[in-house]
Amino acid sequence: MPGDASLIGSIGVLAIATRGQAGPGEVLLKIRGGTEAYIAYSAEPIARGQTVLVIESRGHRTVDVSEWADPFDLEIGKLT
């Protein structure tokens, strides 16, 4: 089944940590007027509670993610 391209670029929060090559976690994404859970894979382990960016959709409610830091938050942090 082809992936859902509309998920790419979505920002979510990990409900279950990813383990890199050792296995997936779970990400919560705010889409379609609600919050939905997806299986999340990443190249490197990412801790539970981290904000992530969806970089690819594998289909069957499965996505690839990478760590995400909001660039606006980084700029604000530099000013204080």
PDB file of N, CA and C in Angstrom:
ATOM      1  N   MET A   1       0.848  -1.180   0.000  1.00  0.00           N
ATOM      2  CA  MET A   1       0.000   0.000   0.000  1.00  0.00           C
ATOM      3  C   MET A   1       0.889   1.237   0.000  1.00  0.00           C
ATOM      4  N   PRO A   2       0.636   2.183  -0.888  1.00  0.00           N
ATOM      5  CA  PRO A   2       1.455   3.392  -0.913  1.00  0.00           C
ATOM      6  C   PRO A   2       1.229   4.237   0.331  1.00  0.00           C
ATOM      7  N   GLY A   3       2.248   5.041   0.662  1.00  0.00           N
ATOM      8  CA  GLY A   3       2.162   5.896   1.835  1.00  0.00           C
ATOM      9  C   GLY A   3       1.223   7.063   1.629  1.00  0.00           C
ATOM     10  N   ASP A   4       0.882   7.733   2.707  1.00  0.00           N
ATOM     11  CA  ASP A   4       0.033   8.913   2.692  1.00  0.00           C
ATOM     12  C   ASP A   4       0.925  10.141   2.660  1.00  0.00           C
ATOM     13  N   ALA A   5       1.119  10.709   1.474  1.00  0.00           N
ATOM     14  CA  ALA A   5       2.038  11.834   1.300  1.00  0.00           C
ATOM     15  C   ALA A   5       1.626  13.050   2.127  1.00  0.00           C
ATOM     16  N   SER A   6       0.344  13.161   2.486  1.00  0.00           N
ATOM     17  CA  SER A   6      -0.099  14.324   3.261  1.00  0.00           C
ATOM     18  C   SER A   6       0.463  14.319   4.678  1.00  0.00           C
ATOM     19  N   LEU A   7       0.970  13.179   5.148  1.00  0.00           N
ATOM     20  CA  LEU A   7       1.571  13.118   6.484  1.00  0.00           C
ATOM     21  C   LEU A   7       2.970  13.710   6.522  1.00  0.00           C
ATOM     22  N   ILE A   8       3.668  13.709   5.389  1.00  0.00           N
ATOM     23  CA  ILE A   8       5.046  14.196   5.335  1.00  0.00           C
ATOM     24  C   ILE A   8       5.064  15.681   5.698  1.00  0.00           C
ATOM     25  N   GLY A   9       5.923  16.021   6.656  1.00  0.00           N
ATOM     26  CA  GLY A   9       6.013  17.389   7.143  1.00  0.00           C
ATOM     27  C   GLY A   9       5.207  17.631   8.406  1.00  0.00           C
ATOM     28  N   SER A  10       4.427  16.634   8.818  1.00  0.00           N
ATOM     29  CA  SER A  10       3.652  16.761  10.055  1.00  0.00           C
ATOM     30  C   SER A  10       4.587  16.713  11.265  1.00  0.00           C
ATOM     31  N   ILE A  11       4.189  17.422  12.301  1.00  0.00           N
ATOM     32  CA  ILE A  11       4.937  17.443  13.562  1.00  0.00           C
ATOM     33  C   ILE A  11       4.141  16.641  14.575  1.00  0.00           C
ATOM     34  N   GLY A  12       4.833  15.795  15.340  1.00  0.00           N
ATOM     35  CA  GLY A  12       4.156  14.992  16.350  1.00  0.00           C
ATOM     36  C   GLY A  12       5.026  14.813  17.576  1.00  0.00           C
ATOM     37  N   VAL A  13       4.484  14.082  18.549  1.00  0.00           N
ATOM     38  CA  VAL A  13       5.194  13.800  19.796  1.00  0.00           C
ATOM     39  C   VAL A  13       5.228  12.290  19.991  1.00  0.00           C
ATOM     40  N   LEU A  14       6.395  11.774  20.379  1.00  0.00           N
ATOM     41  CA  LEU A  14       6.519  10.333  20.587  1.00  0.00           C
ATOM     42  C   LEU A  14       5.840   9.904  21.889  1.00  0.00           C
ATOM     43  N   ALA A  15       4.905   8.972  21.758  1.00  0.00           N
ATOM     44  CA  ALA A  15       4.243   8.381  22.922  1.00  0.00           C
ATOM     45  C   ALA A  15       5.053   7.194  23.427  1.00  0.00           C
ATOM     46  N   ILE A  16       5.740   6.528  22.503  1.00  0.00           N
ATOM     47  CA  ILE A  16       6.643   5.417  22.821  1.00  0.00           C
ATOM     48  C   ILE A  16       7.946   5.687  22.074  1.00  0.00           C
ATOM     49  N   ALA A  17       9.072   5.620  22.772  1.00  0.00           N
ATOM     50  CA  ALA A  17      10.382   5.919  22.179  1.00  0.00           C
ATOM     51  C   ALA A  17      10.675   5.001  20.994  1.00  0.00           C
ATOM     52  N   THR A  18      11.367   5.560  20.001  1.00  0.00           N
ATOM     53  CA  THR A  18      11.879   4.724  18.919  1.00  0.00           C
ATOM     54  C   THR A  18      13.227   4.160  19.363  1.00  0.00           C
ATOM     55  N   ARG A  19      13.634   3.050  18.756  1.00  0.00           N
ATOM     56  CA  ARG A  19      14.890   2.409  19.148  1.00  0.00           C
ATOM     57  C   ARG A  19      15.866   2.312  17.978  1.00  0.00           C
ATOM     58  N   GLY A  20      15.719   3.191  17.007  1.00  0.00           N
ATOM     59  CA  GLY A  20      16.608   3.153  15.848  1.00  0.00           C
ATOM     60  C   GLY A  20      16.438   1.845  15.095  1.00  0.00           C
ATOM     61  N   GLN A  21      17.551   1.185  14.788  1.00  0.00           N
ATOM     62  CA  GLN A  21      17.517  -0.070  14.048  1.00  0.00           C
ATOM     63  C   GLN A  21      16.902  -1.220  14.852  1.00  0.00           C
ATOM     64  N   ALA A  22      16.775  -1.059  16.181  1.00  0.00           N
ATOM     65  CA  ALA A  22      16.235  -2.115  17.037  1.00  0.00           C
ATOM     66  C   ALA A  22      14.712  -2.181  17.026  1.00  0.00           C
ATOM     67  N   GLY A  23      14.046  -1.157  16.502  1.00  0.00           N
ATOM     68  CA  GLY A  23      12.594  -1.232  16.421  1.00  0.00           C
ATOM     69  C   GLY A  23      11.884   0.104  16.486  1.00  0.00           C
ATOM     70  N   PRO A  24      10.584   0.079  16.182  1.00  0.00           N
ATOM     71  CA  PRO A  24       9.808   1.313  16.120  1.00  0.00           C
ATOM     72  C   PRO A  24       9.262   1.743  17.470  1.00  0.00           C
ATOM     73  N   GLY A  25       8.711   2.950  17.462  1.00  0.00           N
ATOM     74  CA  GLY A  25       7.973   3.485  18.587  1.00  0.00           C
ATOM     75  C   GLY A  25       6.597   3.891  18.091  1.00  0.00           C
ATOM     76  N   GLU A  26       5.993   4.864  18.766  1.00  0.00           N
ATOM     77  CA  GLU A  26       4.667   5.331  18.368  1.00  0.00           C
ATOM     78  C   GLU A  26       4.635   6.847  18.465  1.00  0.00           C
ATOM     79  N   VAL A  27       4.102   7.486  17.423  1.00  0.00           N
ATOM     80  CA  VAL A  27       4.001   8.940  17.389  1.00  0.00           C
ATOM     81  C   VAL A  27       2.535   9.340  17.343  1.00  0.00           C
ATOM     82  N   LEU A  28       2.202  10.422  18.055  1.00  0.00           N
ATOM     83  CA  LEU A  28       0.865  10.993  18.020  1.00  0.00           C
ATOM     84  C   LEU A  28       0.897  12.208  17.104  1.00  0.00           C
ATOM     85  N   LEU A  29       0.033  12.187  16.067  1.00  0.00           N
ATOM     86  CA  LEU A  29      -0.031  13.270  15.094  1.00  0.00           C
ATOM     87  C   LEU A  29      -1.407  13.916  15.133  1.00  0.00           C
ATOM     88  N   LYS A  30      -1.439  15.239  15.125  1.00  0.00           N
ATOM     89  CA  LYS A  30      -2.703  15.971  15.059  1.00  0.00           C
ATOM     90  C   LYS A  30      -3.062  16.137  13.586  1.00  0.00           C
ATOM     91  N   ILE A  31      -4.036  15.339  13.149  1.00  0.00           N
ATOM     92  CA  ILE A  31      -4.475  15.388  11.761  1.00  0.00           C
ATOM     93  C   ILE A  31      -5.972  15.139  11.683  1.00  0.00           C
ATOM     94  N   ARG A  32      -6.578  15.561  10.604  1.00  0.00           N
ATOM     95  CA  ARG A  32      -8.000  15.337  10.340  1.00  0.00           C
ATOM     96  C   ARG A  32      -8.899  15.733  11.520  1.00  0.00           C
ATOM     97  N   GLY A  33      -8.541  16.798  12.212  1.00  0.00           N
ATOM     98  CA  GLY A  33      -9.364  17.297  13.305  1.00  0.00           C
ATOM     99  C   GLY A  33      -9.241  16.541  14.613  1.00  0.00           C
ATOM    100  N   GLY A  34      -8.250  15.669  14.718  1.00  0.00           N
ATOM    101  CA  GLY A  34      -8.061  14.907  15.944  1.00  0.00           C
ATOM    102  C   GLY A  34      -6.614  14.485  16.092  1.00  0.00           C
ATOM    103  N   THR A  35      -6.358  13.590  17.023  1.00  0.00           N
ATOM    104  CA  THR A  35      -5.017  13.054  17.230  1.00  0.00           C
ATOM    105  C   THR A  35      -5.040  11.572  16.905  1.00  0.00           C
ATOM    106  N   GLU A  36      -4.097  11.135  16.072  1.00  0.00           N
ATOM    107  CA  GLU A  36      -4.025   9.740  15.671  1.00  0.00           C
ATOM    108  C   GLU A  36      -2.635   9.180  15.953  1.00  0.00           C
ATOM    109  N   ALA A  37      -2.575   7.908  16.313  1.00  0.00           N
ATOM    110  CA  ALA A  37      -1.310   7.224  16.605  1.00  0.00           C
ATOM    111  C   ALA A  37      -0.815   6.489  15.371  1.00  0.00           C
ATOM    112  N   TYR A  38       0.490   6.574  15.142  1.00  0.00           N
ATOM    113  CA  TYR A  38       1.146   5.883  14.032  1.00  0.00           C
ATOM    114  C   TYR A  38       2.394   5.168  14.553  1.00  0.00           C
ATOM    115  N   ILE A  39       2.723   4.052  13.941  1.00  0.00           N
ATOM    116  CA  ILE A  39       3.993   3.388  14.219  1.00  0.00           C
ATOM    117  C   ILE A  39       5.084   4.286  13.651  1.00  0.00           C
ATOM    118  N   ALA A  40       6.150   4.512  14.421  1.00  0.00           N
ATOM    119  CA  ALA A  40       7.194   5.455  14.021  1.00  0.00           C
ATOM    120  C   ALA A  40       8.569   4.790  14.024  1.00  0.00           C
ATOM    121  N   TYR A  41       9.247   4.864  12.896  1.00  0.00           N
ATOM    122  CA  TYR A  41      10.621   4.380  12.763  1.00  0.00           C
ATOM    123  C   TYR A  41      11.564   5.575  12.663  1.00  0.00           C
ATOM    124  N   SER A  42      12.789   5.408  13.156  1.00  0.00           N
ATOM    125  CA  SER A  42      13.814   6.451  13.023  1.00  0.00           C
ATOM    126  C   SER A  42      15.182   5.794  12.855  1.00  0.00           C
ATOM    127  N   ALA A  43      16.103   6.524  12.244  1.00  0.00           N
ATOM    128  CA  ALA A  43      17.454   6.000  12.025  1.00  0.00           C
ATOM    129  C   ALA A  43      18.199   5.818  13.348  1.00  0.00           C
ATOM    130  N   GLU A  44      18.000   6.747  14.277  1.00  0.00           N
ATOM    131  CA  GLU A  44      18.634   6.710  15.594  1.00  0.00           C
ATOM    132  C   GLU A  44      17.542   6.683  16.659  1.00  0.00           C
ATOM    133  N   PRO A  45      17.812   6.149  17.834  1.00  0.00           N
ATOM    134  CA  PRO A  45      16.807   6.168  18.904  1.00  0.00           C
ATOM    135  C   PRO A  45      16.393   7.597  19.267  1.00  0.00           C
ATOM    136  N   ILE A  46      15.092   7.768  19.536  1.00  0.00           N
ATOM    137  CA  ILE A  46      14.554   9.055  19.961  1.00  0.00           C
ATOM    138  C   ILE A  46      13.700   8.788  21.202  1.00  0.00           C
ATOM    139  N   ALA A  47      13.886   9.590  22.229  1.00  0.00           N
ATOM    140  CA  ALA A  47      13.214   9.390  23.515  1.00  0.00           C
ATOM    141  C   ALA A  47      11.725   9.731  23.467  1.00  0.00           C
ATOM    142  N   ARG A  48      10.983   9.090  24.351  1.00  0.00           N
ATOM    143  CA  ARG A  48       9.561   9.372  24.536  1.00  0.00           C
ATOM    144  C   ARG A  48       9.394  10.839  24.909  1.00  0.00           C
ATOM    145  N   GLY A  49       8.362  11.479  24.376  1.00  0.00           N
ATOM    146  CA  GLY A  49       8.075  12.872  24.687  1.00  0.00           C
ATOM    147  C   GLY A  49       8.752  13.869  23.768  1.00  0.00           C
ATOM    148  N   GLN A  50       9.667  13.397  22.917  1.00  0.00           N
ATOM    149  CA  GLN A  50      10.366  14.296  21.995  1.00  0.00           C
ATOM    150  C   GLN A  50       9.457  14.682  20.828  1.00  0.00           C
ATOM    151  N   THR A  51       9.624  15.901  20.357  1.00  0.00           N
ATOM    152  CA  THR A  51       8.909  16.361  19.166  1.00  0.00           C
ATOM    153  C   THR A  51       9.644  15.841  17.944  1.00  0.00           C
ATOM    154  N   VAL A  52       8.885  15.315  16.974  1.00  0.00           N
ATOM    155  CA  VAL A  52       9.479  14.737  15.771  1.00  0.00           C
ATOM    156  C   VAL A  52       8.789  15.259  14.518  1.00  0.00           C
ATOM    157  N   LEU A  53       9.484  15.140  13.402  1.00  0.00           N
ATOM    158  CA  LEU A  53       9.006  15.524  12.087  1.00  0.00           C
ATOM    159  C   LEU A  53       8.819  14.265  11.260  1.00  0.00           C
ATOM    160  N   VAL A  54       7.657  14.128  10.609  1.00  0.00           N
ATOM    161  CA  VAL A  54       7.430  12.986   9.712  1.00  0.00           C
ATOM    162  C   VAL A  54       8.172  13.261   8.411  1.00  0.00           C
ATOM    163  N   ILE A  55       9.110  12.366   8.051  1.00  0.00           N
ATOM    164  CA  ILE A  55       9.910  12.551   6.847  1.00  0.00           C
ATOM    165  C   ILE A  55       9.527  11.590   5.730  1.00  0.00           C
ATOM    166  N   GLU A  56       8.747  10.551   6.053  1.00  0.00           N
ATOM    167  CA  GLU A  56       8.312   9.585   5.038  1.00  0.00           C
ATOM    168  C   GLU A  56       7.116   8.819   5.573  1.00  0.00           C
ATOM    169  N   SER A  57       6.215   8.435   4.673  1.00  0.00           N
ATOM    170  CA  SER A  57       5.084   7.593   5.037  1.00  0.00           C
ATOM    171  C   SER A  57       5.276   6.238   4.370  1.00  0.00           C
ATOM    172  N   ARG A  58       5.176   5.169   5.160  1.00  0.00           N
ATOM    173  CA  ARG A  58       5.346   3.809   4.643  1.00  0.00           C
ATOM    174  C   ARG A  58       4.008   3.157   4.309  1.00  0.00           C
ATOM    175  N   GLY A  59       2.903   3.803   4.621  1.00  0.00           N
ATOM    176  CA  GLY A  59       1.582   3.205   4.456  1.00  0.00           C
ATOM    177  C   GLY A  59       1.233   2.385   5.676  1.00  0.00           C
ATOM    178  N   HIS A  60      -0.007   1.892   5.742  1.00  0.00           N
ATOM    179  CA  HIS A  60      -0.466   1.072   6.872  1.00  0.00           C
ATOM    180  C   HIS A  60      -0.191   1.734   8.215  1.00  0.00           C
ATOM    181  N   ARG A  61      -0.437   3.065   8.312  1.00  0.00           N
ATOM    182  CA  ARG A  61      -0.273   3.820   9.569  1.00  0.00           C
ATOM    183  C   ARG A  61       1.146   3.722  10.134  1.00  0.00           C
ATOM    184  N   THR A  62       2.121   3.748   9.231  1.00  0.00           N
ATOM    185  CA  THR A  62       3.532   3.665   9.619  1.00  0.00           C
ATOM    186  C   THR A  62       4.304   4.797   8.954  1.00  0.00           C
ATOM    187  N   VAL A  63       5.140   5.497   9.749  1.00  0.00           N
ATOM    188  CA  VAL A  63       5.901   6.634   9.234  1.00  0.00           C
ATOM    189  C   VAL A  63       7.359   6.563   9.684  1.00  0.00           C
ATOM    190  N   ASP A  64       8.208   7.294   8.976  1.00  0.00           N
ATOM    191  CA  ASP A  64       9.587   7.520   9.388  1.00  0.00           C
ATOM    192  C   ASP A  64       9.655   8.924   9.972  1.00  0.00           C
ATOM    193  N   VAL A  65      10.365   9.075  11.084  1.00  0.00           N
ATOM    194  CA  VAL A  65      10.455  10.377  11.751  1.00  0.00           C
ATOM    195  C   VAL A  65      11.907  10.735  12.049  1.00  0.00           C
ATOM    196  N   SER A  66      12.134  12.019  12.286  1.00  0.00           N
ATOM    197  CA  SER A  66      13.435  12.494  12.770  1.00  0.00           C
ATOM    198  C   SER A  66      13.161  13.513  13.861  1.00  0.00           C
ATOM    199  N   GLU A  67      14.148  13.726  14.734  1.00  0.00           N
ATOM    200  CA  GLU A  67      13.985  14.711  15.805  1.00  0.00           C
ATOM    201  C   GLU A  67      13.713  16.081  15.197  1.00  0.00           C
ATOM    202  N   TRP A  68      12.926  16.877  15.903  1.00  0.00           N
ATOM    203  CA  TRP A  68      12.555  18.196  15.416  1.00  0.00           C
ATOM    204  C   TRP A  68      12.673  19.206  16.539  1.00  0.00           C
ATOM    205  N   ALA A  69      13.282  20.328  16.230  1.00  0.00           N
ATOM    206  CA  ALA A  69      13.326  21.466  17.149  1.00  0.00           C
ATOM    207  C   ALA A  69      12.748  22.645  16.391  1.00  0.00           C
ATOM    208  N   ASP A  70      11.742  23.273  16.946  1.00  0.00           N
ATOM    209  CA  ASP A  70      11.107  24.418  16.304  1.00  0.00           C
ATOM    210  C   ASP A  70      12.127  25.547  16.177  1.00  0.00           C
ATOM    211  N   PRO A  71      12.403  26.000  14.961  1.00  0.00           N
ATOM    212  CA  PRO A  71      13.419  27.046  14.790  1.00  0.00           C
ATOM    213  C   PRO A  71      13.044  28.355  15.490  1.00  0.00           C
ATOM    214  N   PHE A  72      11.763  28.616  15.671  1.00  0.00           N
ATOM    215  CA  PHE A  72      11.352  29.832  16.370  1.00  0.00           C
ATOM    216  C   PHE A  72      11.689  29.736  17.848  1.00  0.00           C
ATOM    217  N   ASP A  73      11.553  28.549  18.437  1.00  0.00           N
ATOM    218  CA  ASP A  73      11.930  28.375  19.837  1.00  0.00           C
ATOM    219  C   ASP A  73      13.432  28.568  20.012  1.00  0.00           C
ATOM    220  N   LEU A  74      14.217  28.105  19.041  1.00  0.00           N
ATOM    221  CA  LEU A  74      15.672  28.270  19.121  1.00  0.00           C
ATOM    222  C   LEU A  74      16.046  29.751  19.078  1.00  0.00           C
ATOM    223  N   GLU A  75      15.388  30.520  18.229  1.00  0.00           N
ATOM    224  CA  GLU A  75      15.685  31.949  18.120  1.00  0.00           C
ATOM    225  C   GLU A  75      15.326  32.664  19.412  1.00  0.00           C
ATOM    226  N   ILE A  76      14.186  32.327  20.011  1.00  0.00           N
ATOM    227  CA  ILE A  76      13.770  32.961  21.255  1.00  0.00           C
ATOM    228  C   ILE A  76      14.775  32.639  22.358  1.00  0.00           C
ATOM    229  N   GLY A  77      15.259  31.401  22.379  1.00  0.00           N
ATOM    230  CA  GLY A  77      16.235  30.987  23.388  1.00  0.00           C
ATOM    231  C   GLY A  77      17.529  31.781  23.310  1.00  0.00           C
ATOM    232  N   LYS A  78      17.907  32.208  22.102  1.00  0.00           N
ATOM    233  CA  LYS A  78      19.136  32.976  21.945  1.00  0.00           C
ATOM    234  C   LYS A  78      18.998  34.386  22.514  1.00  0.00           C
ATOM    235  N   LEU A  79      17.766  34.895  22.560  1.00  0.00           N
ATOM    236  CA  LEU A  79      17.559  36.265  23.005  1.00  0.00           C
ATOM    237  C   LEU A  79      17.555  36.402  24.516  1.00  0.00           C
ATOM    238  N   THR A  80      17.339  35.336  25.242  1.00  0.00           N
ATOM    239  CA  THR A  80      17.256  35.453  26.693  1.00  0.00           C
ATOM    240  C   THR A  80      18.578  35.162  27.358  1.00  0.00           C
TER     241      THR A  80
END
